[in-house]
Amino acid sequence: MIREAFDGVVRRYDGEAAWYFVTLPLDLADDIRATTEPAGFGSVRVEVRIGTTTWRTSVFPDKGSGSFVLPVKAEVRRREHLDDGTVATVTLTGVDG
C-alpha cells in the first residue's frame, strides 16, 4: 500500500469553478501506477492529511504534468490556511476500494 509524505504547492485552476490542486511528485505517481488499479477517469482512492485535517478523496491523472493531482477542498484550505502558492506537507495513503 502506498503511504508517502511530500511537500507540494497548492495551485488554483482557473476554470469555470475555481478548484485547487496539489500535483504529486513524479516518483509517487509512478509508484501509484505500479501498485494500484485505477477507477473511473483513472482516479485512485486515497486518504490525505494536511496539517491536522484528514479526509478521503481521489487523485486524478494529469496529462500536463504526467503525474496525478490532488484536489484540496475549500474546508481543508480554510482550516489549514492554504491559498494559491502555499506549500503544504501532504501525507497520502492508498485506500482499497
PDB file of N, CA and C in Angstrom:
ATOM      1  N   MET A   1       0.844  -1.188   0.000  1.00  0.00           N
ATOM      2  CA  MET A   1       0.000   0.000   0.000  1.00  0.00           C
ATOM      3  C   MET A   1       0.886   1.247   0.000  1.00  0.00           C
ATOM      4  N   ILE A   2       0.483   2.215  -0.754  1.00  0.00           N
ATOM      5  CA  ILE A   2       1.208   3.483  -0.853  1.00  0.00           C
ATOM      6  C   ILE A   2       0.979   4.297   0.412  1.00  0.00           C
ATOM      7  N   ARG A   3       2.051   4.817   0.978  1.00  0.00           N
ATOM      8  CA  ARG A   3       1.971   5.799   2.070  1.00  0.00           C
ATOM      9  C   ARG A   3       3.223   6.656   1.956  1.00  0.00           C
ATOM     10  N   GLU A   4       3.017   7.934   1.683  1.00  0.00           N
ATOM     11  CA  GLU A   4       4.173   8.809   1.492  1.00  0.00           C
ATOM     12  C   GLU A   4       3.823  10.230   1.894  1.00  0.00           C
ATOM     13  N   ALA A   5       4.804  10.914   2.452  1.00  0.00           N
ATOM     14  CA  ALA A   5       4.669  12.338   2.775  1.00  0.00           C
ATOM     15  C   ALA A   5       5.537  13.132   1.816  1.00  0.00           C
ATOM     16  N   PHE A   6       5.041  14.286   1.404  1.00  0.00           N
ATOM     17  CA  PHE A   6       5.786  15.148   0.491  1.00  0.00           C
ATOM     18  C   PHE A   6       5.312  16.583   0.657  1.00  0.00           C
ATOM     19  N   ASP A   7       6.119  17.521   0.217  1.00  0.00           N
ATOM     20  CA  ASP A   7       5.724  18.925   0.180  1.00  0.00           C
ATOM     21  C   ASP A   7       5.277  19.255  -1.233  1.00  0.00           C
ATOM     22  N   GLY A   8       4.121  19.892  -1.341  1.00  0.00           N
ATOM     23  CA  GLY A   8       3.587  20.264  -2.644  1.00  0.00           C
ATOM     24  C   GLY A   8       2.990  21.658  -2.598  1.00  0.00           C
ATOM     25  N   VAL A   9       2.951  22.298  -3.749  1.00  0.00           N
ATOM     26  CA  VAL A   9       2.422  23.653  -3.855  1.00  0.00           C
ATOM     27  C   VAL A   9       0.941  23.588  -4.214  1.00  0.00           C
ATOM     28  N   VAL A  10       0.127  24.300  -3.458  1.00  0.00           N
ATOM     29  CA  VAL A  10      -1.299  24.407  -3.756  1.00  0.00           C
ATOM     30  C   VAL A  10      -1.447  25.373  -4.929  1.00  0.00           C
ATOM     31  N   ARG A  11      -2.134  24.921  -5.977  1.00  0.00           N
ATOM     32  CA  ARG A  11      -2.332  25.748  -7.169  1.00  0.00           C
ATOM     33  C   ARG A  11      -3.816  25.877  -7.475  1.00  0.00           C
ATOM     34  N   ARG A  12      -4.208  27.069  -7.872  1.00  0.00           N
ATOM     35  CA  ARG A  12      -5.598  27.334  -8.258  1.00  0.00           C
ATOM     36  C   ARG A  12      -5.736  27.124  -9.754  1.00  0.00           C
ATOM     37  N   TYR A  13      -6.739  26.332 -10.129  1.00  0.00           N
ATOM     38  CA  TYR A  13      -7.054  26.123 -11.528  1.00  0.00           C
ATOM     39  C   TYR A  13      -8.131  27.123 -11.907  1.00  0.00           C
ATOM     40  N   ASP A  14      -7.872  27.921 -12.922  1.00  0.00           N
ATOM     41  CA  ASP A  14      -8.810  28.968 -13.320  1.00  0.00           C
ATOM     42  C   ASP A  14      -9.774  28.488 -14.396  1.00  0.00           C
ATOM     43  N   GLY A  15     -10.666  27.614 -14.021  1.00  0.00           N
ATOM     44  CA  GLY A  15     -11.715  27.179 -14.932  1.00  0.00           C
ATOM     45  C   GLY A  15     -13.019  27.832 -14.517  1.00  0.00           C
ATOM     46  N   GLU A  16     -14.137  27.252 -14.964  1.00  0.00           N
ATOM     47  CA  GLU A  16     -15.452  27.787 -14.577  1.00  0.00           C
ATOM     48  C   GLU A  16     -15.627  27.770 -13.065  1.00  0.00           C
ATOM     49  N   ALA A  17     -15.190  26.693 -12.446  1.00  0.00           N
ATOM     50  CA  ALA A  17     -15.198  26.606 -10.983  1.00  0.00           C
ATOM     51  C   ALA A  17     -13.746  26.651 -10.535  1.00  0.00           C
ATOM     52  N   ALA A  18     -13.461  27.445  -9.540  1.00  0.00           N
ATOM     53  CA  ALA A  18     -12.077  27.597  -9.071  1.00  0.00           C
ATOM     54  C   ALA A  18     -11.715  26.407  -8.177  1.00  0.00           C
ATOM     55  N   TRP A  19     -11.016  25.432  -8.742  1.00  0.00           N
ATOM     56  CA  TRP A  19     -10.543  24.280  -7.995  1.00  0.00           C
ATOM     57  C   TRP A  19      -9.090  24.512  -7.593  1.00  0.00           C
ATOM     58  N   TYR A  20      -8.711  23.912  -6.491  1.00  0.00           N
ATOM     59  CA  TYR A  20      -7.334  23.976  -6.006  1.00  0.00           C
ATOM     60  C   TYR A  20      -6.772  22.558  -5.976  1.00  0.00           C
ATOM     61  N   PHE A  21      -5.533  22.419  -6.421  1.00  0.00           N
ATOM     62  CA  PHE A  21      -4.890  21.112  -6.520  1.00  0.00           C
ATOM     63  C   PHE A  21      -3.458  21.167  -6.018  1.00  0.00           C
ATOM     64  N   VAL A  22      -2.951  19.998  -5.624  1.00  0.00           N
ATOM     65  CA  VAL A  22      -1.528  19.783  -5.387  1.00  0.00           C
ATOM     66  C   VAL A  22      -1.107  18.685  -6.352  1.00  0.00           C
ATOM     67  N   THR A  23      -0.044  18.920  -7.110  1.00  0.00           N
ATOM     68  CA  THR A  23       0.478  17.916  -8.026  1.00  0.00           C
ATOM     69  C   THR A  23       1.423  17.002  -7.261  1.00  0.00           C
ATOM     70  N   LEU A  24       1.214  15.694  -7.388  1.00  0.00           N
ATOM     71  CA  LEU A  24       2.058  14.724  -6.706  1.00  0.00           C
ATOM     72  C   LEU A  24       3.430  14.641  -7.375  1.00  0.00           C
ATOM     73  N   PRO A  25       4.468  14.322  -6.595  1.00  0.00           N
ATOM     74  CA  PRO A  25       5.792  14.111  -7.183  1.00  0.00           C
ATOM     75  C   PRO A  25       5.735  12.961  -8.202  1.00  0.00           C
ATOM     76  N   LEU A  26       6.535  13.056  -9.248  1.00  0.00           N
ATOM     77  CA  LEU A  26       6.509  12.042 -10.305  1.00  0.00           C
ATOM     78  C   LEU A  26       6.846  10.641  -9.803  1.00  0.00           C
ATOM     79  N   ASP A  27       7.787  10.530  -8.851  1.00  0.00           N
ATOM     80  CA  ASP A  27       8.128   9.194  -8.346  1.00  0.00           C
ATOM     81  C   ASP A  27       6.960   8.573  -7.590  1.00  0.00           C
ATOM     82  N   LEU A  28       6.183   9.371  -6.882  1.00  0.00           N
ATOM     83  CA  LEU A  28       4.994   8.865  -6.199  1.00  0.00           C
ATOM     84  C   LEU A  28       3.941   8.454  -7.224  1.00  0.00           C
ATOM     85  N   ALA A  29       3.768   9.244  -8.272  1.00  0.00           N
ATOM     86  CA  ALA A  29       2.823   8.893  -9.339  1.00  0.00           C
ATOM     87  C   ALA A  29       3.204   7.550  -9.973  1.00  0.00           C
ATOM     88  N   ASP A  30       4.491   7.352 -10.193  1.00  0.00           N
ATOM     89  CA  ASP A  30       4.957   6.077 -10.761  1.00  0.00           C
ATOM     90  C   ASP A  30       4.630   4.914  -9.827  1.00  0.00           C
ATOM     91  N   ASP A  31       4.845   5.104  -8.517  1.00  0.00           N
ATOM     92  CA  ASP A  31       4.525   4.065  -7.532  1.00  0.00           C
ATOM     93  C   ASP A  31       3.025   3.759  -7.539  1.00  0.00           C
ATOM     94  N   ILE A  32       2.205   4.791  -7.625  1.00  0.00           N
ATOM     95  CA  ILE A  32       0.752   4.595  -7.648  1.00  0.00           C
ATOM     96  C   ILE A  32       0.360   3.786  -8.879  1.00  0.00           C
ATOM     97  N   ARG A  33       0.886   4.147 -10.029  1.00  0.00           N
ATOM     98  CA  ARG A  33       0.563   3.417 -11.269  1.00  0.00           C
ATOM     99  C   ARG A  33       0.992   1.947 -11.186  1.00  0.00           C
ATOM    100  N   ALA A  34       2.121   1.704 -10.531  1.00  0.00           N
ATOM    101  CA  ALA A  34       2.665   0.346 -10.461  1.00  0.00           C
ATOM    102  C   ALA A  34       1.949  -0.540  -9.456  1.00  0.00           C
ATOM    103  N   THR A  35       1.269   0.051  -8.481  1.00  0.00           N
ATOM    104  CA  THR A  35       0.728  -0.758  -7.384  1.00  0.00           C
ATOM    105  C   THR A  35      -0.776  -0.667  -7.190  1.00  0.00           C
ATOM    106  N   THR A  36      -1.469   0.146  -7.986  1.00  0.00           N
ATOM    107  CA  THR A  36      -2.911   0.285  -7.775  1.00  0.00           C
ATOM    108  C   THR A  36      -3.676   0.071  -9.068  1.00  0.00           C
ATOM    109  N   GLU A  37      -4.930  -0.285  -8.909  1.00  0.00           N
ATOM    110  CA  GLU A  37      -5.844  -0.434 -10.040  1.00  0.00           C
ATOM    111  C   GLU A  37      -6.717   0.816 -10.077  1.00  0.00           C
ATOM    112  N   PRO A  38      -6.598   1.620 -11.142  1.00  0.00           N
ATOM    113  CA  PRO A  38      -7.374   2.856 -11.186  1.00  0.00           C
ATOM    114  C   PRO A  38      -8.872   2.604 -11.351  1.00  0.00           C
ATOM    115  N   ALA A  39      -9.650   3.573 -10.911  1.00  0.00           N
ATOM    116  CA  ALA A  39     -11.106   3.536 -11.058  1.00  0.00           C
ATOM    117  C   ALA A  39     -11.495   4.455 -12.217  1.00  0.00           C
ATOM    118  N   GLY A  40     -12.692   4.977 -12.183  1.00  0.00           N
ATOM    119  CA  GLY A  40     -13.188   5.848 -13.237  1.00  0.00           C
ATOM    120  C   GLY A  40     -12.291   7.047 -13.478  1.00  0.00           C
ATOM    121  N   PHE A  41     -12.105   7.410 -14.739  1.00  0.00           N
ATOM    122  CA  PHE A  41     -11.267   8.532 -15.164  1.00  0.00           C
ATOM    123  C   PHE A  41      -9.809   8.348 -14.754  1.00  0.00           C
ATOM    124  N   GLY A  42      -9.407   7.112 -14.399  1.00  0.00           N
ATOM    125  CA  GLY A  42      -8.037   6.858 -13.984  1.00  0.00           C
ATOM    126  C   GLY A  42      -7.755   7.277 -12.552  1.00  0.00           C
ATOM    127  N   SER A  43      -8.818   7.579 -11.793  1.00  0.00           N
ATOM    128  CA  SER A  43      -8.645   8.055 -10.418  1.00  0.00           C
ATOM    129  C   SER A  43      -8.225   6.930  -9.487  1.00  0.00           C
ATOM    130  N   VAL A  44      -7.614   7.322  -8.380  1.00  0.00           N
ATOM    131  CA  VAL A  44      -7.168   6.381  -7.354  1.00  0.00           C
ATOM    132  C   VAL A  44      -7.615   6.927  -6.003  1.00  0.00           C
ATOM    133  N   ARG A  45      -8.291   6.080  -5.211  1.00  0.00           N
ATOM    134  CA  ARG A  45      -8.781   6.480  -3.886  1.00  0.00           C
ATOM    135  C   ARG A  45      -7.621   6.617  -2.903  1.00  0.00           C
ATOM    136  N   VAL A  46      -7.660   7.690  -2.108  1.00  0.00           N
ATOM    137  CA  VAL A  46      -6.601   7.954  -1.138  1.00  0.00           C
ATOM    138  C   VAL A  46      -7.178   8.561   0.132  1.00  0.00           C
ATOM    139  N   GLU A  47      -6.406   8.455   1.198  1.00  0.00           N
ATOM    140  CA  GLU A  47      -6.655   9.212   2.421  1.00  0.00           C
ATOM    141  C   GLU A  47      -5.522  10.219   2.508  1.00  0.00           C
ATOM    142  N   VAL A  48      -5.862  11.439   2.870  1.00  0.00           N
ATOM    143  CA  VAL A  48      -4.895  12.536   2.852  1.00  0.00           C
ATOM    144  C   VAL A  48      -4.893  13.237   4.201  1.00  0.00           C
ATOM    145  N   ARG A  49      -3.697  13.653   4.616  1.00  0.00           N
ATOM    146  CA  ARG A  49      -3.575  14.508   5.799  1.00  0.00           C
ATOM    147  C   ARG A  49      -2.728  15.708   5.421  1.00  0.00           C
ATOM    148  N   ILE A  50      -3.270  16.880   5.700  1.00  0.00           N
ATOM    149  CA  ILE A  50      -2.523  18.134   5.622  1.00  0.00           C
ATOM    150  C   ILE A  50      -2.727  18.815   6.962  1.00  0.00           C
ATOM    151  N   GLY A  51      -1.641  19.073   7.662  1.00  0.00           N
ATOM    152  CA  GLY A  51      -1.763  19.665   9.000  1.00  0.00           C
ATOM    153  C   GLY A  51      -2.510  18.717   9.918  1.00  0.00           C
ATOM    154  N   THR A  52      -3.593  19.215  10.515  1.00  0.00           N
ATOM    155  CA  THR A  52      -4.397  18.390  11.422  1.00  0.00           C
ATOM    156  C   THR A  52      -5.652  17.856  10.747  1.00  0.00           C
ATOM    157  N   THR A  53      -5.798  18.091   9.456  1.00  0.00           N
ATOM    158  CA  THR A  53      -7.008  17.697   8.726  1.00  0.00           C
ATOM    159  C   THR A  53      -6.759  16.435   7.909  1.00  0.00           C
ATOM    160  N   THR A  54      -7.634  15.449   8.087  1.00  0.00           N
ATOM    161  CA  THR A  54      -7.568  14.197   7.344  1.00  0.00           C
ATOM    162  C   THR A  54      -8.895  13.996   6.626  1.00  0.00           C
ATOM    163  N   TRP A  55      -8.829  13.571   5.358  1.00  0.00           N
ATOM    164  CA  TRP A  55     -10.049  13.287   4.612  1.00  0.00           C
ATOM    165  C   TRP A  55      -9.756  12.250   3.536  1.00  0.00           C
ATOM    166  N   ARG A  56     -10.837  11.687   2.976  1.00  0.00           N
ATOM    167  CA  ARG A  56     -10.718  10.736   1.874  1.00  0.00           C
ATOM    168  C   ARG A  56     -11.189  11.394   0.591  1.00  0.00           C
ATOM    169  N   THR A  57     -10.455  11.110  -0.475  1.00  0.00           N
ATOM    170  CA  THR A  57     -10.762  11.670  -1.784  1.00  0.00           C
ATOM    171  C   THR A  57     -10.119  10.766  -2.825  1.00  0.00           C
ATOM    172  N   SER A  58      -9.946  11.272  -4.015  1.00  0.00           N
ATOM    173  CA  SER A  58      -9.233  10.562  -5.076  1.00  0.00           C
ATOM    174  C   SER A  58      -8.207  11.493  -5.685  1.00  0.00           C
ATOM    175  N   VAL A  59      -7.140  10.915  -6.218  1.00  0.00           N
ATOM    176  CA  VAL A  59      -6.207  11.667  -7.050  1.00  0.00           C
ATOM    177  C   VAL A  59      -6.523  11.311  -8.495  1.00  0.00           C
ATOM    178  N   PHE A  60      -6.273  12.264  -9.390  1.00  0.00           N
ATOM    179  CA  PHE A  60      -6.646  12.109 -10.789  1.00  0.00           C
ATOM    180  C   PHE A  60      -5.429  12.307 -11.680  1.00  0.00           C
ATOM    181  N   PRO A  61      -5.328  11.516 -12.758  1.00  0.00           N
ATOM    182  CA  PRO A  61      -4.187  11.689 -13.657  1.00  0.00           C
ATOM    183  C   PRO A  61      -4.216  13.062 -14.318  1.00  0.00           C
ATOM    184  N   ASP A  62      -3.027  13.621 -14.505  1.00  0.00           N
ATOM    185  CA  ASP A  62      -2.884  14.943 -15.112  1.00  0.00           C
ATOM    186  C   ASP A  62      -1.938  14.823 -16.299  1.00  0.00           C
ATOM    187  N   LYS A  63      -2.481  14.956 -17.495  1.00  0.00           N
ATOM    188  CA  LYS A  63      -1.660  14.812 -18.706  1.00  0.00           C
ATOM    189  C   LYS A  63      -0.563  15.875 -18.780  1.00  0.00           C
ATOM    190  N   GLY A  64      -0.854  17.080 -18.319  1.00  0.00           N
ATOM    191  CA  GLY A  64       0.114  18.169 -18.411  1.00  0.00           C
ATOM    192  C   GLY A  64       1.397  17.905 -17.658  1.00  0.00           C
ATOM    193  N   SER A  65       1.271  17.334 -16.463  1.00  0.00           N
ATOM    194  CA  SER A  65       2.460  17.094 -15.640  1.00  0.00           C
ATOM    195  C   SER A  65       2.958  15.656 -15.736  1.00  0.00           C
ATOM    196  N   GLY A  66       2.112  14.751 -16.219  1.00  0.00           N
ATOM    197  CA  GLY A  66       2.463  13.338 -16.237  1.00  0.00           C
ATOM    198  C   GLY A  66       2.330  12.687 -14.875  1.00  0.00           C
ATOM    199  N   SER A  67       1.725  13.397 -13.939  1.00  0.00           N
ATOM    200  CA  SER A  67       1.573  12.912 -12.579  1.00  0.00           C
ATOM    201  C   SER A  67       0.086  12.761 -12.257  1.00  0.00           C
ATOM    202  N   PHE A  68      -0.242  12.865 -10.978  1.00  0.00           N
ATOM    203  CA  PHE A  68      -1.615  12.915 -10.505  1.00  0.00           C
ATOM    204  C   PHE A  68      -1.803  14.248  -9.792  1.00  0.00           C
ATOM    205  N   VAL A  69      -3.045  14.718  -9.746  1.00  0.00           N
ATOM    206  CA  VAL A  69      -3.356  15.906  -8.964  1.00  0.00           C
ATOM    207  C   VAL A  69      -4.316  15.533  -7.842  1.00  0.00           C
ATOM    208  N   LEU A  70      -4.106  16.185  -6.711  1.00  0.00           N
ATOM    209  CA  LEU A  70      -4.916  16.005  -5.520  1.00  0.00           C
ATOM    210  C   LEU A  70      -5.793  17.232  -5.352  1.00  0.00           C
ATOM    211  N   PRO A  71      -7.124  17.101  -5.447  1.00  0.00           N
ATOM    212  CA  PRO A  71      -7.988  18.255  -5.192  1.00  0.00           C
ATOM    213  C   PRO A  71      -8.005  18.577  -3.694  1.00  0.00           C
ATOM    214  N   VAL A  72      -7.941  19.853  -3.369  1.00  0.00           N
ATOM    215  CA  VAL A  72      -7.963  20.290  -1.968  1.00  0.00           C
ATOM    216  C   VAL A  72      -9.211  21.140  -1.780  1.00  0.00           C
ATOM    217  N   LYS A  73     -10.194  20.589  -1.068  1.00  0.00           N
ATOM    218  CA  LYS A  73     -11.483  21.259  -0.932  1.00  0.00           C
ATOM    219  C   LYS A  73     -11.394  22.488  -0.038  1.00  0.00           C
ATOM    220  N   ALA A  74     -12.393  23.355  -0.201  1.00  0.00           N
ATOM    221  CA  ALA A  74     -12.415  24.644   0.490  1.00  0.00           C
ATOM    222  C   ALA A  74     -12.323  24.501   2.005  1.00  0.00           C
ATOM    223  N   GLU A  75     -13.008  23.537   2.565  1.00  0.00           N
ATOM    224  CA  GLU A  75     -12.993  23.344   4.019  1.00  0.00           C
ATOM    225  C   GLU A  75     -11.571  23.098   4.525  1.00  0.00           C
ATOM    226  N   VAL A  76     -10.820  22.285   3.799  1.00  0.00           N
ATOM    227  CA  VAL A  76      -9.429  21.994   4.177  1.00  0.00           C
ATOM    228  C   VAL A  76      -8.575  23.249   4.023  1.00  0.00           C
ATOM    229  N   ARG A  77      -8.763  23.970   2.923  1.00  0.00           N
ATOM    230  CA  ARG A  77      -7.974  25.194   2.699  1.00  0.00           C
ATOM    231  C   ARG A  77      -8.228  26.216   3.807  1.00  0.00           C
ATOM    232  N   ARG A  78      -9.470  26.378   4.209  1.00  0.00           N
ATOM    233  CA  ARG A  78      -9.778  27.324   5.299  1.00  0.00           C
ATOM    234  C   ARG A  78      -9.151  26.868   6.613  1.00  0.00           C
ATOM    235  N   ARG A  79      -9.356  25.604   6.941  1.00  0.00           N
ATOM    236  CA  ARG A  79      -8.871  25.060   8.211  1.00  0.00           C
ATOM    237  C   ARG A  79      -7.353  25.131   8.330  1.00  0.00           C
ATOM    238  N   GLU A  80      -6.659  24.893   7.209  1.00  0.00           N
ATOM    239  CA  GLU A  80      -5.196  24.827   7.223  1.00  0.00           C
ATOM    240  C   GLU A  80      -4.529  26.086   6.663  1.00  0.00           C
ATOM    241  N   HIS A  81      -5.331  27.120   6.379  1.00  0.00           N
ATOM    242  CA  HIS A  81      -4.818  28.415   5.893  1.00  0.00           C
ATOM    243  C   HIS A  81      -3.998  28.249   4.609  1.00  0.00           C
ATOM    244  N   LEU A  82      -4.583  27.570   3.636  1.00  0.00           N
ATOM    245  CA  LEU A  82      -3.926  27.316   2.356  1.00  0.00           C
ATOM    246  C   LEU A  82      -4.502  28.221   1.278  1.00  0.00           C
ATOM    247  N   ASP A  83      -3.664  28.699   0.398  1.00  0.00           N
ATOM    248  CA  ASP A  83      -4.088  29.521  -0.726  1.00  0.00           C
ATOM    249  C   ASP A  83      -3.186  29.203  -1.912  1.00  0.00           C
ATOM    250  N   ASP A  84      -3.477  29.806  -3.036  1.00  0.00           N
ATOM    251  CA  ASP A  84      -2.673  29.602  -4.238  1.00  0.00           C
ATOM    252  C   ASP A  84      -1.213  29.946  -3.938  1.00  0.00           C
ATOM    253  N   GLY A  85      -0.319  28.991  -4.171  1.00  0.00           N
ATOM    254  CA  GLY A  85       1.108  29.206  -3.941  1.00  0.00           C
ATOM    255  C   GLY A  85       1.617  28.725  -2.595  1.00  0.00           C
ATOM    256  N   THR A  86       0.719  28.337  -1.678  1.00  0.00           N
ATOM    257  CA  THR A  86       1.135  27.838  -0.376  1.00  0.00           C
ATOM    258  C   THR A  86       1.767  26.453  -0.526  1.00  0.00           C
ATOM    259  N   VAL A  87       2.873  26.241   0.174  1.00  0.00           N
ATOM    260  CA  VAL A  87       3.491  24.916   0.216  1.00  0.00           C
ATOM    261  C   VAL A  87       2.869  24.165   1.384  1.00  0.00           C
ATOM    262  N   ALA A  88       2.347  22.959   1.091  1.00  0.00           N
ATOM    263  CA  ALA A  88       1.707  22.145   2.114  1.00  0.00           C
ATOM    264  C   ALA A  88       2.436  20.816   2.233  1.00  0.00           C
ATOM    265  N   THR A  89       2.579  20.324   3.454  1.00  0.00           N
ATOM    266  CA  THR A  89       3.094  18.988   3.676  1.00  0.00           C
ATOM    267  C   THR A  89       1.914  18.035   3.640  1.00  0.00           C
ATOM    268  N   VAL A  90       1.964  17.092   2.700  1.00  0.00           N
ATOM    269  CA  VAL A  90       0.857  16.189   2.425  1.00  0.00           C
ATOM    270  C   VAL A  90       1.290  14.773   2.777  1.00  0.00           C
ATOM    271  N   THR A  91       0.458  14.063   3.542  1.00  0.00           N
ATOM    272  CA  THR A  91       0.658  12.637   3.744  1.00  0.00           C
ATOM    273  C   THR A  91      -0.460  11.920   3.010  1.00  0.00           C
ATOM    274  N   LEU A  92      -0.084  11.076   2.073  1.00  0.00           N
ATOM    275  CA  LEU A  92      -1.052  10.399   1.209  1.00  0.00           C
ATOM    276  C   LEU A  92      -0.944   8.906   1.421  1.00  0.00           C
ATOM    277  N   THR A  93      -2.092   8.261   1.647  1.00  0.00           N
ATOM    278  CA  THR A  93      -2.160   6.817   1.854  1.00  0.00           C
ATOM    279  C   THR A  93      -3.171   6.226   0.881  1.00  0.00           C
ATOM    280  N   GLY A  94      -2.795   5.171   0.204  1.00  0.00           N
ATOM    281  CA  GLY A  94      -3.729   4.485  -0.697  1.00  0.00           C
ATOM    282  C   GLY A  94      -4.849   3.836   0.093  1.00  0.00           C
ATOM    283  N   VAL A  95      -6.048   3.810  -0.510  1.00  0.00           N
ATOM    284  CA  VAL A  95      -7.223   3.212   0.124  1.00  0.00           C
ATOM    285  C   VAL A  95      -7.789   2.174  -0.811  1.00  0.00           C
ATOM    286  N   ASP A  96      -8.068   0.978  -0.298  1.00  0.00           N
ATOM    287  CA  ASP A  96      -8.688  -0.061  -1.119  1.00  0.00           C
ATOM    288  C   ASP A  96     -10.137   0.277  -1.372  1.00  0.00           C
ATOM    289  N   GLY A  97     -10.565   0.037  -2.619  1.00  0.00           N
ATOM    290  CA  GLY A  97     -11.971   0.223  -2.976  1.00  0.00           C
ATOM    291  C   GLY A  97     -12.288   1.628  -3.067  1.00  0.00           C
TER     292      GLY A  97
END
